[in-house]
Amino acid sequence: MLVCVAMISEKDPGVLNEELTKGGAIEDDGDLDLGIASYILGWESIQNNTSYDEKVLLDALCSGLSVIAEVPGHPSHFVVVTGHEDGTLGNCRFRISDPACNNSASFLESYGTVGSIRIICTNQCFTLE
């Protein structure tokens, strides 16, 4: 997830890793505490571990919010949702950027099931309903 956060924050992943480690956002097991990370980065808020819902994801993107989605992989694998095509519910295709670049997936649907999503507000925002 660290590289996804680096993509959204437009920071070098190595530099970001140092900043987040010093700030306590990297846990002992190596996982990233997104709440602490967002505080360190000065982001307004996050909705963490939200169950995947097409409407919530579409609303977040249309509102200019950043989204990280958990997709199948071992260990856990995350991608940044960068946009959408055909914004009608049930037909929407979500474009992604995969920091692992280990496949040619361009759309979220390429991964099959989607786990949870993290909605990130990097500036003034509101709670999605």
C-alpha atoms as a PDB file:
ATOM      1  CA  MET A   1       0.000   0.000   0.000  1.00  0.00           C
ATOM      2  CA  LEU A   2       2.979   2.305   0.600  1.00  0.00           C
ATOM      3  CA  VAL A   3       3.625   2.691  -3.132  1.00  0.00           C
ATOM      4  CA  CYS A   4      -0.052   3.545  -3.737  1.00  0.00           C
ATOM      5  CA  VAL A   5       0.199   6.250  -1.065  1.00  0.00           C
ATOM      6  CA  ALA A   6       3.403   7.488  -2.717  1.00  0.00           C
ATOM      7  CA  MET A   7       1.594   7.688  -6.066  1.00  0.00           C
ATOM      8  CA  ILE A   8      -1.249   9.730  -4.577  1.00  0.00           C
ATOM      9  CA  SER A   9       1.061  12.000  -2.576  1.00  0.00           C
ATOM     10  CA  GLU A  10       3.493  12.309  -5.510  1.00  0.00           C
ATOM     11  CA  LYS A  11       6.414  11.529  -3.194  1.00  0.00           C
ATOM     12  CA  ASP A  12       9.360   9.251  -3.773  1.00  0.00           C
ATOM     13  CA  PRO A  13       8.508   5.897  -2.116  1.00  0.00           C
ATOM     14  CA  GLY A  14      11.896   5.714  -0.341  1.00  0.00           C
ATOM     15  CA  VAL A  15      11.581   9.213   1.093  1.00  0.00           C
ATOM     16  CA  LEU A  16       7.964   8.570   2.038  1.00  0.00           C
ATOM     17  CA  ASN A  17       8.928   5.311   3.765  1.00  0.00           C
ATOM     18  CA  GLU A  18      11.478   7.203   5.896  1.00  0.00           C
ATOM     19  CA  GLU A  19       8.973   9.923   6.816  1.00  0.00           C
ATOM     20  CA  LEU A  20       6.253   7.436   7.707  1.00  0.00           C
ATOM     21  CA  THR A  21       8.600   5.193   9.675  1.00  0.00           C
ATOM     22  CA  LYS A  22       9.837   8.160  11.736  1.00  0.00           C
ATOM     23  CA  GLY A  23       6.219   9.232  12.291  1.00  0.00           C
ATOM     24  CA  GLY A  24       5.113   5.787  13.483  1.00  0.00           C
ATOM     25  CA  ALA A  25       2.881   4.965  10.517  1.00  0.00           C
ATOM     26  CA  ILE A  26       4.800   1.790   9.625  1.00  0.00           C
ATOM     27  CA  GLU A  27       3.783  -0.920  12.084  1.00  0.00           C
ATOM     28  CA  ASP A  28       6.135  -3.567  13.499  1.00  0.00           C
ATOM     29  CA  ASP A  29       4.824  -6.138  11.012  1.00  0.00           C
ATOM     30  CA  GLY A  30       5.539  -3.749   8.122  1.00  0.00           C
ATOM     31  CA  ASP A  31       1.909  -2.818   7.514  1.00  0.00           C
ATOM     32  CA  LEU A  32       1.001   0.813   6.933  1.00  0.00           C
ATOM     33  CA  ASP A  33      -1.355   2.559   9.363  1.00  0.00           C
ATOM     34  CA  LEU A  34      -3.205   4.711   6.838  1.00  0.00           C
ATOM     35  CA  GLY A  35      -4.732   6.917   9.546  1.00  0.00           C
ATOM     36  CA  ILE A  36      -1.319   7.937  10.899  1.00  0.00           C
ATOM     37  CA  ALA A  37       0.051   8.241   7.358  1.00  0.00           C
ATOM     38  CA  SER A  38      -2.751  10.598   6.345  1.00  0.00           C
ATOM     39  CA  TYR A  39      -2.064  12.754   9.413  1.00  0.00           C
ATOM     40  CA  ILE A  40       1.664  12.922   8.588  1.00  0.00           C
ATOM     41  CA  LEU A  41       0.875  13.828   4.970  1.00  0.00           C
ATOM     42  CA  GLY A  42      -1.615  16.499   6.039  1.00  0.00           C
ATOM     43  CA  TRP A  43      -4.537  14.792   4.338  1.00  0.00           C
ATOM     44  CA  GLU A  44      -7.954  15.785   5.604  1.00  0.00           C
ATOM     45  CA  SER A  45      -9.477  12.355   6.132  1.00  0.00           C
ATOM     46  CA  ILE A  46      -9.838   8.782   5.005  1.00  0.00           C
ATOM     47  CA  GLN A  47     -12.607   6.231   4.932  1.00  0.00           C
ATOM     48  CA  ASN A  48     -10.624   3.090   5.654  1.00  0.00           C
ATOM     49  CA  ASN A  49     -11.592  -0.477   4.782  1.00  0.00           C
ATOM     50  CA  THR A  50     -14.897   0.435   3.182  1.00  0.00           C
ATOM     51  CA  SER A  51     -16.575  -2.560   1.550  1.00  0.00           C
ATOM     52  CA  TYR A  52     -16.426  -2.388  -2.222  1.00  0.00           C
ATOM     53  CA  ASP A  53     -19.520  -0.731  -3.632  1.00  0.00           C
ATOM     54  CA  GLU A  54     -19.636   0.542  -7.210  1.00  0.00           C
ATOM     55  CA  LYS A  55     -21.745   3.596  -6.318  1.00  0.00           C
ATOM     56  CA  VAL A  56     -19.471   4.627  -3.442  1.00  0.00           C
ATOM     57  CA  LEU A  57     -16.409   4.222  -5.667  1.00  0.00           C
ATOM     58  CA  LEU A  58     -17.973   6.179  -8.531  1.00  0.00           C
ATOM     59  CA  ASP A  59     -19.135   8.959  -6.180  1.00  0.00           C
ATOM     60  CA  ALA A  60     -15.653   9.215  -4.663  1.00  0.00           C
ATOM     61  CA  LEU A  61     -13.961   9.522  -8.057  1.00  0.00           C
ATOM     62  CA  CYS A  62     -16.537  12.020  -9.342  1.00  0.00           C
ATOM     63  CA  SER A  63     -15.898  14.092  -6.202  1.00  0.00           C
ATOM     64  CA  GLY A  64     -12.167  14.218  -6.912  1.00  0.00           C
ATOM     65  CA  LEU A  65     -11.195  11.897  -4.067  1.00  0.00           C
ATOM     66  CA  SER A  66      -8.372   9.370  -4.283  1.00  0.00           C
ATOM     67  CA  VAL A  67      -9.142   5.666  -3.963  1.00  0.00           C
ATOM     68  CA  ILE A  68      -6.955   2.678  -3.166  1.00  0.00           C
ATOM     69  CA  ALA A  69      -8.524  -0.744  -3.777  1.00  0.00           C
ATOM     70  CA  GLU A  70      -7.441  -4.069  -2.325  1.00  0.00           C
ATOM     71  CA  VAL A  71      -7.332  -6.753  -5.020  1.00  0.00           C
ATOM     72  CA  PRO A  72      -6.457 -10.461  -4.949  1.00  0.00           C
ATOM     73  CA  GLY A  73      -2.781 -11.140  -4.351  1.00  0.00           C
ATOM     74  CA  HIS A  74      -0.415 -12.652  -1.855  1.00  0.00           C
ATOM     75  CA  PRO A  75       0.509 -10.852   0.236  1.00  0.00           C
ATOM     76  CA  SER A  76      -2.259  -8.240   0.084  1.00  0.00           C
ATOM     77  CA  HIS A  77      -2.104  -6.235  -3.117  1.00  0.00           C
ATOM     78  CA  PHE A  78      -3.363  -2.697  -3.668  1.00  0.00           C
ATOM     79  CA  VAL A  79      -3.968  -0.527  -6.737  1.00  0.00           C
ATOM     80  CA  VAL A  80      -4.858   3.132  -7.195  1.00  0.00           C
ATOM     81  CA  VAL A  81      -8.192   3.693  -8.930  1.00  0.00           C
ATOM     82  CA  THR A  82      -7.475   6.559 -11.321  1.00  0.00           C
ATOM     83  CA  GLY A  83     -10.760   7.125 -13.125  1.00  0.00           C
ATOM     84  CA  HIS A  84     -13.739   5.551 -14.816  1.00  0.00           C
ATOM     85  CA  GLU A  85     -15.384   4.968 -18.164  1.00  0.00           C
ATOM     86  CA  ASP A  86     -19.158   4.921 -18.676  1.00  0.00           C
ATOM     87  CA  GLY A  87     -20.323   6.360 -15.383  1.00  0.00           C
ATOM     88  CA  THR A  88     -23.622   4.496 -15.299  1.00  0.00           C
ATOM     89  CA  LEU A  89     -24.044   2.072 -12.422  1.00  0.00           C
ATOM     90  CA  GLY A  90     -23.686  -1.526 -13.498  1.00  0.00           C
ATOM     91  CA  ASN A  91     -21.669  -0.601 -16.591  1.00  0.00           C
ATOM     92  CA  CYS A  92     -18.863   1.429 -15.084  1.00  0.00           C
ATOM     93  CA  ARG A  93     -15.264   0.362 -15.772  1.00  0.00           C
ATOM     94  CA  PHE A  94     -12.711   1.705 -13.310  1.00  0.00           C
ATOM     95  CA  ARG A  95      -9.210   2.529 -14.589  1.00  0.00           C
ATOM     96  CA  ILE A  96      -6.351   1.607 -12.291  1.00  0.00           C
ATOM     97  CA  SER A  97      -2.650   2.104 -11.824  1.00  0.00           C
ATOM     98  CA  ASP A  98      -0.909  -0.952 -10.427  1.00  0.00           C
ATOM     99  CA  PRO A  99       2.335  -0.026  -8.672  1.00  0.00           C
ATOM    100  CA  ALA A 100       3.589  -3.612  -8.940  1.00  0.00           C
ATOM    101  CA  CYS A 101       3.295  -3.444 -12.744  1.00  0.00           C
ATOM    102  CA  ASN A 102       3.377  -7.232 -12.769  1.00  0.00           C
ATOM    103  CA  ASN A 103       0.585  -7.522 -15.289  1.00  0.00           C
ATOM    104  CA  SER A 104      -1.077  -5.517 -17.977  1.00  0.00           C
ATOM    105  CA  ALA A 105      -4.284  -4.851 -16.063  1.00  0.00           C
ATOM    106  CA  SER A 106      -5.731  -1.457 -16.891  1.00  0.00           C
ATOM    107  CA  PHE A 107      -9.127  -1.907 -15.266  1.00  0.00           C
ATOM    108  CA  LEU A 108     -10.212  -2.942 -11.800  1.00  0.00           C
ATOM    109  CA  GLU A 109     -12.402  -5.709 -13.250  1.00  0.00           C
ATOM    110  CA  SER A 110      -9.227  -7.482 -14.417  1.00  0.00           C
ATOM    111  CA  TYR A 111      -8.672  -8.608 -10.834  1.00  0.00           C
ATOM    112  CA  GLY A 112     -12.067 -10.258 -10.406  1.00  0.00           C
ATOM    113  CA  THR A 113     -13.172  -9.641  -6.858  1.00  0.00           C
ATOM    114  CA  VAL A 114     -12.314  -6.428  -5.075  1.00  0.00           C
ATOM    115  CA  GLY A 115     -11.734  -6.503  -1.347  1.00  0.00           C
ATOM    116  CA  SER A 116     -12.047  -3.246   0.499  1.00  0.00           C
ATOM    117  CA  ILE A 117     -11.450   0.273  -0.711  1.00  0.00           C
ATOM    118  CA  ARG A 118      -9.809   3.218   1.023  1.00  0.00           C
ATOM    119  CA  ILE A 119     -11.172   6.647   0.109  1.00  0.00           C
ATOM    120  CA  ILE A 120      -8.684   9.424   0.716  1.00  0.00           C
ATOM    121  CA  CYS A 121      -9.312  13.135   0.827  1.00  0.00           C
ATOM    122  CA  THR A 122      -6.072  15.002   0.336  1.00  0.00           C
ATOM    123  CA  ASN A 123      -7.708  18.427   0.897  1.00  0.00           C
ATOM    124  CA  GLN A 124     -11.079  19.769   2.098  1.00  0.00           C
ATOM    125  CA  CYS A 125     -13.675  17.079   1.740  1.00  0.00           C
ATOM    126  CA  PHE A 126     -16.864  15.622   3.067  1.00  0.00           C
ATOM    127  CA  THR A 127     -18.231  12.219   4.049  1.00  0.00           C
ATOM    128  CA  LEU A 128     -19.747  10.198   1.235  1.00  0.00           C
ATOM    129  CA  GLU A 129     -23.179   8.745   1.908  1.00  0.00           C
END
